[in-house]
N, C-alpha and C. Protein backbone atom coordinates (compact mmCIF):
# COMPACT_ATOMS: atom_id res chain seq x y z
N MET A 1 5.08 1.37 21.35
CA MET A 1 4.90 1.87 20.42
C MET A 1 4.46 1.06 19.06
N ILE A 2 3.37 1.62 18.57
CA ILE A 2 2.59 0.58 17.56
C ILE A 2 3.08 1.46 16.70
N ARG A 3 3.21 0.61 15.47
CA ARG A 3 2.97 1.52 13.62
C ARG A 3 1.49 1.09 13.53
N LEU A 4 1.57 1.95 12.36
CA LEU A 4 -0.42 1.38 12.10
C LEU A 4 -0.46 2.22 11.16
N PHE A 5 -0.98 1.68 10.08
CA PHE A 5 -1.58 2.12 8.90
C PHE A 5 -3.33 1.41 8.68
N THR A 6 -3.78 2.17 7.43
CA THR A 6 -4.94 1.92 7.21
C THR A 6 -4.88 1.30 5.68
N ALA A 7 -5.54 0.16 5.52
CA ALA A 7 -5.35 -0.38 4.06
C ALA A 7 -6.58 -1.35 3.92
N ILE A 8 -6.73 -1.24 2.49
CA ILE A 8 -7.69 -2.34 1.89
C ILE A 8 -6.72 -4.07 1.63
N GLU A 9 -7.44 -5.07 2.69
CA GLU A 9 -7.03 -5.97 2.12
C GLU A 9 -7.40 -6.73 0.58
N LEU A 10 -6.27 -7.37 0.02
CA LEU A 10 -6.91 -8.07 -1.30
C LEU A 10 -7.26 -9.33 -1.57
N PRO A 11 -7.91 -9.66 -2.38
CA PRO A 11 -8.42 -10.76 -2.03
C PRO A 11 -7.71 -11.98 -2.58
N PRO A 12 -7.49 -13.34 -1.91
CA PRO A 12 -6.49 -13.88 -2.14
C PRO A 12 -6.07 -14.41 -3.32
N ASP A 13 -6.95 -14.69 -4.75
CA ASP A 13 -6.37 -15.07 -6.05
C ASP A 13 -5.71 -13.63 -6.00
N VAL A 14 -5.85 -12.43 -5.82
CA VAL A 14 -5.15 -11.23 -6.53
C VAL A 14 -3.79 -11.53 -5.74
N ARG A 15 -3.67 -11.54 -4.50
CA ARG A 15 -2.46 -11.66 -3.75
C ARG A 15 -1.58 -12.67 -4.18
N ALA A 16 -2.30 -13.67 -4.55
CA ALA A 16 -1.59 -14.81 -5.56
C ALA A 16 -0.49 -14.66 -6.47
N GLU A 17 -1.29 -13.63 -7.46
CA GLU A 17 -1.16 -13.62 -8.32
C GLU A 17 0.07 -12.57 -8.83
N LEU A 18 -0.16 -11.32 -7.32
CA LEU A 18 0.84 -10.72 -7.01
C LEU A 18 2.49 -11.30 -6.70
N ALA A 19 2.29 -12.34 -5.85
CA ALA A 19 3.18 -13.27 -5.04
C ALA A 19 3.70 -13.83 -6.25
N GLY A 20 3.01 -14.03 -7.26
CA GLY A 20 3.78 -15.24 -8.84
C GLY A 20 4.43 -14.26 -9.15
N MET A 21 4.54 -12.63 -9.32
CA MET A 21 5.36 -11.82 -9.77
C MET A 21 6.68 -11.80 -9.31
N ALA A 22 7.27 -12.29 -7.83
CA ALA A 22 8.44 -12.05 -7.45
C ALA A 22 9.45 -12.83 -7.85
N GLY A 23 10.93 -12.17 -8.05
CA GLY A 23 11.80 -12.89 -8.50
C GLY A 23 12.26 -12.22 -9.65
N GLY A 24 13.43 -12.15 -9.78
CA GLY A 24 14.44 -11.12 -11.44
C GLY A 24 15.06 -10.26 -10.55
N ILE A 25 14.97 -9.81 -9.40
CA ILE A 25 15.53 -8.72 -9.00
C ILE A 25 16.41 -8.98 -8.66
N PRO A 26 17.91 -8.76 -8.11
CA PRO A 26 19.13 -9.15 -7.14
C PRO A 26 18.44 -7.86 -6.47
N GLY A 27 19.03 -8.31 -5.51
CA GLY A 27 18.43 -7.09 -3.82
C GLY A 27 17.30 -6.55 -3.45
N ALA A 28 16.32 -7.59 -3.89
CA ALA A 28 14.38 -6.85 -3.76
C ALA A 28 14.28 -8.06 -2.54
N ARG A 29 14.01 -7.10 -1.46
CA ARG A 29 12.93 -8.12 -0.46
C ARG A 29 11.74 -8.30 -0.50
N TRP A 30 11.10 -9.05 -1.39
CA TRP A 30 9.45 -9.35 -1.91
C TRP A 30 8.49 -9.15 -0.31
N VAL A 31 7.69 -8.60 -0.58
CA VAL A 31 6.43 -8.91 0.04
C VAL A 31 5.93 -9.78 0.04
N ALA A 32 6.04 -10.66 1.77
CA ALA A 32 5.44 -11.90 1.55
C ALA A 32 3.65 -12.33 1.19
N GLU A 33 2.80 -12.99 0.47
CA GLU A 33 1.67 -12.90 0.11
C GLU A 33 0.94 -12.60 1.02
N ALA A 34 0.93 -13.30 2.05
CA ALA A 34 0.12 -12.74 3.27
C ALA A 34 -0.21 -11.32 3.70
N ASN A 35 1.05 -10.36 3.34
CA ASN A 35 1.28 -9.04 3.88
C ASN A 35 1.15 -8.11 2.75
N LEU A 36 0.27 -8.80 1.27
CA LEU A 36 0.11 -7.47 0.20
C LEU A 36 -0.97 -6.97 0.80
N HIS A 37 -0.88 -5.26 0.12
CA HIS A 37 -2.47 -4.42 0.70
C HIS A 37 -2.18 -3.77 0.05
N LEU A 38 -3.39 -3.08 -0.06
CA LEU A 38 -2.85 -1.15 -0.88
C LEU A 38 -3.23 -0.70 1.06
N THR A 39 -2.45 0.38 1.03
CA THR A 39 -2.68 1.50 1.93
C THR A 39 -3.31 2.61 1.47
N VAL A 40 -3.92 2.45 2.37
CA VAL A 40 -5.05 3.70 2.16
C VAL A 40 -4.62 5.04 2.52
N ARG A 41 -3.57 4.79 4.01
CA ARG A 41 -2.43 6.05 4.62
C ARG A 41 -1.85 5.67 6.04
N PHE A 42 -0.91 5.89 5.49
CA PHE A 42 0.04 5.24 6.95
C PHE A 42 -0.23 6.46 8.11
N ILE A 43 -0.27 5.75 9.03
CA ILE A 43 0.00 6.79 10.37
C ILE A 43 0.95 6.97 11.02
N GLY A 44 2.44 5.69 11.01
CA GLY A 44 2.94 5.61 11.86
C GLY A 44 2.95 5.19 13.18
N GLU A 45 4.31 5.31 14.12
CA GLU A 45 4.17 4.72 15.35
C GLU A 45 3.52 5.86 16.64
N VAL A 46 2.57 5.05 17.01
CA VAL A 46 1.75 5.52 18.20
C VAL A 46 1.61 4.67 19.85
N THR A 47 1.33 5.54 20.58
CA THR A 47 1.10 4.06 21.54
C THR A 47 0.04 3.57 22.24
N PRO A 48 -0.12 2.67 22.48
CA PRO A 48 -1.25 1.69 22.46
C PRO A 48 -2.69 2.54 22.66
N GLU A 49 -2.60 3.67 23.47
CA GLU A 49 -3.73 4.47 24.35
C GLU A 49 -4.16 5.01 22.77
N ARG A 50 -2.78 5.48 21.96
CA ARG A 50 -3.56 6.54 21.00
C ARG A 50 -4.46 5.44 19.88
N ALA A 51 -3.60 4.36 19.86
CA ALA A 51 -4.36 3.27 19.13
C ALA A 51 -5.54 2.82 18.70
N ASP A 52 -6.03 2.81 20.30
CA ASP A 52 -7.43 2.64 20.39
C ASP A 52 -8.17 3.99 19.99
N GLU A 53 -8.03 4.96 20.35
CA GLU A 53 -8.46 6.55 20.00
C GLU A 53 -8.70 5.98 18.35
N LEU A 54 -7.43 5.73 18.00
CA LEU A 54 -7.48 6.22 16.36
C LEU A 54 -8.45 5.05 15.69
N ALA A 55 -8.11 3.68 16.39
CA ALA A 55 -9.42 3.11 15.71
C ALA A 55 -10.74 3.55 16.04
N ALA A 56 -10.94 3.94 17.08
CA ALA A 56 -12.56 4.23 17.65
C ALA A 56 -12.70 5.49 16.41
N VAL A 57 -11.60 6.17 16.08
CA VAL A 57 -12.27 7.81 14.96
C VAL A 57 -12.74 6.66 14.01
N LEU A 58 -11.72 5.81 13.38
CA LEU A 58 -11.56 4.92 12.12
C LEU A 58 -13.21 4.33 11.73
N GLU A 59 -13.40 3.77 12.84
CA GLU A 59 -14.95 3.25 12.78
C GLU A 59 -16.00 4.23 12.25
N GLU A 60 -16.11 5.41 12.42
CA GLU A 60 -17.04 6.08 11.68
C GLU A 60 -16.77 6.75 10.66
N VAL A 61 -15.84 6.19 9.63
CA VAL A 61 -15.71 6.57 8.34
C VAL A 61 -16.64 6.06 7.67
N THR A 62 -17.42 6.12 6.85
CA THR A 62 -17.73 5.59 6.17
C THR A 62 -17.57 5.85 4.62
N ALA A 63 -17.91 5.23 3.56
CA ALA A 63 -17.70 5.42 2.19
C ALA A 63 -18.44 4.09 1.25
N PRO A 64 -19.23 4.25 0.10
CA PRO A 64 -19.81 3.30 -0.71
C PRO A 64 -18.64 2.85 -1.02
N ALA A 65 -19.32 1.30 -1.37
CA ALA A 65 -18.55 0.09 -1.39
C ALA A 65 -18.24 0.89 -3.09
N PHE A 66 -16.96 -0.13 -3.83
CA PHE A 66 -17.08 0.30 -4.87
C PHE A 66 -15.83 -1.26 -5.52
N ASP A 67 -15.44 -0.95 -7.13
CA ASP A 67 -15.12 -2.01 -7.95
C ASP A 67 -13.40 -1.62 -7.90
N LEU A 68 -12.30 -2.50 -7.67
CA LEU A 68 -11.08 -1.90 -7.60
C LEU A 68 -9.84 -2.52 -8.93
N THR A 69 -9.53 -1.76 -9.81
CA THR A 69 -8.74 -2.86 -10.91
C THR A 69 -7.19 -2.31 -10.30
N LEU A 70 -6.59 -3.29 -10.21
CA LEU A 70 -4.82 -3.36 -10.25
C LEU A 70 -4.30 -2.54 -11.42
N ARG A 71 -3.49 -1.75 -11.96
CA ARG A 71 -2.73 -1.86 -13.31
C ARG A 71 -1.65 -1.23 -13.12
N GLY A 72 -0.66 -2.13 -14.19
CA GLY A 72 0.67 -1.41 -14.41
C GLY A 72 1.62 -1.66 -13.07
N ALA A 73 3.04 -1.60 -13.76
CA ALA A 73 4.12 -1.86 -12.57
C ALA A 73 5.00 -0.39 -12.94
N ASP A 74 5.26 0.34 -11.51
CA ASP A 74 5.89 1.70 -11.11
C ASP A 74 7.19 0.78 -9.83
N CYS A 75 8.09 1.99 -10.14
CA CYS A 75 8.90 2.21 -8.89
C CYS A 75 9.08 3.07 -8.30
N PHE A 76 9.45 3.37 -7.06
CA PHE A 76 9.85 4.67 -6.25
C PHE A 76 10.87 4.44 -5.97
N SER A 77 11.74 5.49 -6.00
CA SER A 77 12.98 5.65 -6.17
C SER A 77 13.42 6.92 -4.61
N LYS A 78 14.76 6.15 -4.44
CA LYS A 78 15.09 6.90 -3.06
C LYS A 78 16.56 7.96 -4.16
N GLY A 79 16.26 9.50 -4.32
CA GLY A 79 17.25 9.56 -5.46
C GLY A 79 17.49 9.12 -6.54
N LYS A 80 18.75 9.10 -6.44
CA LYS A 80 18.87 7.82 -7.92
C LYS A 80 18.74 6.76 -8.06
N LYS A 81 18.64 6.12 -6.88
CA LYS A 81 18.43 4.87 -6.50
C LYS A 81 17.01 4.45 -6.90
N PRO A 82 16.31 3.05 -7.29
CA PRO A 82 15.60 2.69 -7.04
C PRO A 82 15.01 2.06 -5.49
N GLY A 83 14.21 2.11 -4.95
CA GLY A 83 13.50 2.07 -3.30
C GLY A 83 12.81 0.97 -3.08
N ALA A 84 11.47 0.50 -4.05
CA ALA A 84 10.81 -0.10 -4.24
C ALA A 84 9.96 -0.24 -5.63
N VAL A 85 9.43 -1.17 -5.89
CA VAL A 85 8.84 -1.78 -6.92
C VAL A 85 7.05 -2.22 -6.39
N TRP A 86 6.08 -1.64 -7.35
CA TRP A 86 4.45 -1.76 -7.11
C TRP A 86 3.58 -2.11 -7.99
N VAL A 87 2.58 -2.35 -7.96
CA VAL A 87 1.39 -2.24 -9.18
C VAL A 87 1.00 -1.19 -8.56
N GLY A 88 0.11 -0.14 -9.47
CA GLY A 88 -0.62 0.88 -9.35
C GLY A 88 -1.79 0.13 -9.07
N VAL A 89 -2.68 1.58 -9.02
CA VAL A 89 -4.21 1.15 -9.09
C VAL A 89 -5.07 2.09 -10.47
N ALA A 90 -5.70 1.55 -11.23
CA ALA A 90 -6.67 2.03 -11.98
C ALA A 90 -7.06 3.67 -11.53
N PRO A 91 -7.63 4.85 -12.31
CA PRO A 91 -7.87 5.77 -11.49
C PRO A 91 -9.60 5.28 -11.32
N ASN A 92 -9.16 5.64 -9.98
CA ASN A 92 -10.83 5.80 -9.10
C ASN A 92 -11.41 6.75 -8.27
N ASP A 93 -12.23 7.38 -8.41
CA ASP A 93 -12.47 8.49 -8.02
C ASP A 93 -12.90 7.83 -6.47
N ARG A 94 -13.86 6.47 -6.38
CA ARG A 94 -14.19 6.32 -5.11
C ARG A 94 -12.76 5.85 -3.90
N LEU A 95 -11.97 5.14 -4.21
CA LEU A 95 -10.86 5.05 -3.85
C LEU A 95 -10.44 6.22 -3.21
N HIS A 96 -10.13 7.48 -3.71
CA HIS A 96 -9.85 8.78 -3.45
C HIS A 96 -10.71 9.50 -2.31
N LEU A 97 -12.12 9.18 -2.78
CA LEU A 97 -12.85 9.55 -1.73
C LEU A 97 -12.69 8.91 -0.10
N LEU A 98 -12.31 7.35 -0.41
CA LEU A 98 -12.10 6.67 0.84
C LEU A 98 -10.77 7.40 1.39
N HIS A 99 -9.74 7.64 0.57
CA HIS A 99 -8.71 8.17 1.35
C HIS A 99 -8.83 9.44 1.80
N ASP A 100 -9.99 10.14 1.51
CA ASP A 100 -10.09 11.97 1.50
C ASP A 100 -10.83 11.44 3.05
N ARG A 101 -11.52 10.81 3.35
CA ARG A 101 -12.38 10.21 4.71
C ARG A 101 -11.44 10.08 5.58
N VAL A 102 -10.71 8.88 5.01
CA VAL A 102 -10.27 8.73 6.58
C VAL A 102 -8.70 9.41 6.56
N GLU A 103 -8.55 10.51 6.06
CA GLU A 103 -7.20 11.53 6.17
C GLU A 103 -7.98 12.33 6.74
N SER A 104 -9.07 12.97 6.52
CA SER A 104 -10.32 14.32 7.50
C SER A 104 -10.20 13.45 8.80
N ALA A 105 -10.65 12.41 8.77
CA ALA A 105 -11.02 11.80 10.46
C ALA A 105 -9.84 11.69 11.18
N LEU A 106 -7.92 11.45 10.70
CA LEU A 106 -7.09 11.33 11.15
C LEU A 106 -6.56 12.78 11.80
N VAL A 107 -6.85 13.65 10.80
CA VAL A 107 -6.47 15.05 11.13
C VAL A 107 -7.29 15.77 12.16
N ARG A 108 -8.70 15.29 11.69
CA ARG A 108 -9.42 15.72 13.44
C ARG A 108 -9.42 15.47 14.88
N ALA A 109 -8.76 13.96 14.08
CA ALA A 109 -8.26 14.06 15.51
C ALA A 109 -6.76 13.85 16.24
N GLY A 110 -6.09 14.83 15.34
CA GLY A 110 -4.78 15.20 15.74
C GLY A 110 -3.58 14.44 15.10
N GLU A 111 -4.17 14.11 14.28
CA GLU A 111 -2.53 13.65 13.52
C GLU A 111 -2.45 14.74 12.46
N GLU A 112 -1.00 14.51 12.47
CA GLU A 112 -0.20 16.05 11.54
C GLU A 112 -1.34 15.37 9.66
N PRO A 113 -1.36 16.34 9.13
CA PRO A 113 -1.98 15.97 7.72
C PRO A 113 -0.53 15.37 6.77
N GLU A 114 -1.01 14.42 5.81
CA GLU A 114 -0.23 13.74 5.24
C GLU A 114 0.52 15.06 4.02
N LYS A 115 1.71 15.06 3.88
CA LYS A 115 2.41 15.86 3.24
C LYS A 115 2.42 15.46 2.29
N ARG A 116 2.66 14.31 1.47
CA ARG A 116 2.61 13.39 0.24
C ARG A 116 1.34 13.06 -0.39
N ARG A 117 1.23 13.21 -2.03
CA ARG A 117 0.40 13.25 -2.78
C ARG A 117 -0.01 11.65 -2.70
N TYR A 118 -1.41 11.33 -2.21
CA TYR A 118 -1.40 9.90 -2.10
C TYR A 118 -1.48 9.23 -3.73
N THR A 119 -0.59 8.05 -4.11
CA THR A 119 -0.24 7.31 -5.17
C THR A 119 -0.80 6.01 -4.17
N PRO A 120 -1.79 5.45 -5.08
CA PRO A 120 -2.80 4.28 -4.68
C PRO A 120 -1.72 3.02 -5.21
N HIS A 121 -1.41 2.17 -4.52
CA HIS A 121 0.04 1.52 -4.81
C HIS A 121 -0.47 0.00 -4.03
N VAL A 122 0.52 -1.12 -4.62
CA VAL A 122 0.62 -2.73 -4.08
C VAL A 122 2.11 -2.29 -3.91
N THR A 123 2.66 -2.49 -2.59
CA THR A 123 4.39 -2.32 -2.30
C THR A 123 4.56 -3.95 -2.92
N LEU A 124 5.43 -4.27 -3.89
CA LEU A 124 5.69 -5.61 -3.85
C LEU A 124 6.76 -6.04 -3.63
N ALA A 125 7.87 -5.10 -3.85
CA ALA A 125 9.07 -5.67 -2.84
C ALA A 125 10.12 -4.09 -2.84
N ARG A 126 10.70 -4.00 -1.42
CA ARG A 126 11.76 -3.08 -1.20
C ARG A 126 13.32 -3.43 -1.60
N LEU A 127 13.94 -2.43 -2.46
CA LEU A 127 15.19 -2.39 -2.66
C LEU A 127 16.22 -1.91 -2.30
N LYS A 128 17.64 -3.21 -2.02
CA LYS A 128 18.55 -2.11 -2.03
C LYS A 128 19.63 -2.65 -2.52
N ASP A 129 20.29 -1.59 -3.45
CA ASP A 129 21.64 -1.84 -3.73
C ASP A 129 21.31 -2.51 -5.29
N THR A 130 20.17 -2.49 -5.78
CA THR A 130 19.72 -3.04 -7.17
C THR A 130 20.14 -1.91 -8.11
N PRO A 131 20.35 -3.52 -9.48
CA PRO A 131 20.59 -2.40 -10.79
C PRO A 131 19.59 -2.07 -11.12
N ARG A 132 19.37 -0.80 -11.85
CA ARG A 132 18.58 -0.29 -12.25
C ARG A 132 17.72 -0.70 -13.31
N GLY A 133 18.85 -1.32 -14.57
CA GLY A 133 18.50 -1.78 -15.46
C GLY A 133 17.73 -3.71 -15.18
N ARG A 134 17.65 -3.97 -14.11
CA ARG A 134 17.08 -5.16 -13.53
C ARG A 134 15.65 -4.67 -13.16
N VAL A 135 16.02 -3.84 -12.27
CA VAL A 135 13.95 -3.16 -12.30
C VAL A 135 13.64 -2.65 -13.34
N GLN A 136 14.50 -1.54 -14.43
CA GLN A 136 13.56 -1.60 -15.88
C GLN A 136 13.52 -2.80 -16.67
N GLN A 137 13.92 -3.73 -16.57
CA GLN A 137 13.54 -4.74 -16.82
C GLN A 137 12.26 -5.83 -16.67
N PHE A 138 12.29 -5.65 -14.88
CA PHE A 138 10.94 -5.92 -14.36
C PHE A 138 9.51 -5.17 -14.80
N LEU A 139 9.98 -3.85 -14.62
CA LEU A 139 8.97 -3.02 -15.25
C LEU A 139 8.43 -3.10 -16.53
N SER A 140 9.21 -3.43 -17.07
CA SER A 140 9.03 -3.65 -18.69
C SER A 140 8.22 -4.76 -19.02
N GLU A 141 8.60 -5.96 -18.15
CA GLU A 141 7.78 -7.24 -18.14
C GLU A 141 6.57 -7.14 -17.69
N HIS A 142 6.40 -6.19 -16.55
CA HIS A 142 4.96 -6.28 -15.96
C HIS A 142 3.89 -5.03 -15.99
N ASN A 143 4.48 -4.24 -17.13
CA ASN A 143 3.60 -2.88 -17.17
C ASN A 143 2.48 -2.80 -17.24
N LEU A 144 2.06 -4.11 -18.10
CA LEU A 144 0.45 -3.93 -19.03
C LEU A 144 -0.47 -5.29 -17.95
N PHE A 145 0.51 -5.23 -16.48
CA PHE A 145 -0.04 -6.25 -15.66
C PHE A 145 -1.71 -5.99 -15.26
N ARG A 146 -2.52 -6.67 -15.18
CA ARG A 146 -3.70 -6.19 -14.58
C ARG A 146 -4.42 -7.22 -13.84
N ALA A 147 -5.31 -6.58 -12.82
CA ALA A 147 -5.87 -7.75 -11.59
C ALA A 147 -7.59 -6.94 -11.25
N GLY A 148 -8.02 -7.91 -11.23
CA GLY A 148 -9.72 -7.25 -11.02
C GLY A 148 -10.29 -7.08 -12.58
N PRO A 149 -11.87 -6.17 -11.83
CA PRO A 149 -11.80 -5.68 -10.96
C PRO A 149 -12.39 -6.68 -9.46
N PHE A 150 -11.89 -6.30 -8.58
CA PHE A 150 -12.57 -6.51 -7.22
C PHE A 150 -13.47 -5.72 -6.67
N ARG A 151 -14.33 -6.14 -5.69
CA ARG A 151 -15.03 -5.18 -4.99
C ARG A 151 -14.17 -4.96 -3.93
N VAL A 152 -14.31 -3.99 -3.16
CA VAL A 152 -14.02 -3.09 -1.85
C VAL A 152 -15.01 -2.39 -1.34
N ARG A 153 -15.56 -3.38 -0.04
CA ARG A 153 -16.57 -3.32 0.92
C ARG A 153 -16.16 -2.18 2.33
N GLU A 154 -14.85 -2.49 2.67
CA GLU A 154 -13.98 -2.36 3.80
C GLU A 154 -12.57 -1.65 3.97
N PHE A 155 -12.46 -0.91 4.68
CA PHE A 155 -10.62 -0.85 4.90
C PHE A 155 -10.46 -1.29 6.68
N ALA A 156 -9.07 -1.65 6.60
CA ALA A 156 -9.28 -2.18 7.98
C ALA A 156 -8.09 -1.39 8.73
N LEU A 157 -7.48 -1.15 9.88
CA LEU A 157 -6.84 -0.88 10.53
C LEU A 157 -5.58 -1.82 10.82
N TYR A 158 -4.19 -1.60 10.39
CA TYR A 158 -3.42 -2.52 10.29
C TYR A 158 -2.16 -2.35 11.16
N SER A 159 -1.47 -3.39 12.01
CA SER A 159 -0.09 -2.34 12.22
C SER A 159 0.96 -3.59 11.96
N SER A 160 2.00 -2.86 12.23
CA SER A 160 3.28 -3.70 11.70
C SER A 160 4.40 -3.74 12.54
N HIS A 161 5.22 -4.47 12.42
CA HIS A 161 6.45 -4.38 13.27
C HIS A 161 7.82 -4.03 12.32
N LEU A 162 8.64 -3.02 12.22
CA LEU A 162 9.66 -3.11 11.65
C LEU A 162 10.72 -4.24 12.29
N GLY A 163 11.46 -5.21 11.37
CA GLY A 163 12.47 -5.89 11.82
C GLY A 163 13.65 -5.65 11.09
N LYS A 164 14.98 -6.61 10.89
CA LYS A 164 15.78 -6.51 9.91
C LYS A 164 15.71 -6.61 8.46
N ASN A 165 14.66 -6.68 8.10
CA ASN A 165 14.32 -6.94 6.87
C ASN A 165 13.03 -6.52 6.40
N GLY A 166 12.55 -5.04 7.09
CA GLY A 166 11.97 -4.54 7.02
C GLY A 166 10.88 -4.41 7.73
N PRO A 167 9.49 -4.10 6.62
CA PRO A 167 8.27 -4.14 7.48
C PRO A 167 7.78 -5.75 7.86
């Protein structure tokens, strides 16, 4: 099985700036600089044959190029515990258009529709047993973060592998 998702690759200078934010949160597993990306649509585990089918379907998706700005920091929680810290995206209709076109193509190809509302973000770290106060401190230190704008001309299909330290 192959774990797939579609994403926008970030420019090297933006990845470096995001990687420079790592630190200061006990229990955080920071995403490696080379792996920082903006997910468009998570697909999940598929067979190699299905991966080829989906790649062919996604090659047909088009959307106009657009400028994207990363902005602010926040966290997702698992129940009452913080689960991941991330950087958000300034409101962008063209990013949502791209997401909607990818979603439509995948559903037409037989994939289940995404149940969650699309919240564009770049995951910085996954958290386990992390004190909420330290997360809040990180967020307050980075709530004015801003990177970009940078031009987005394409998205890509990625695979990832789950290991003991996450994807």
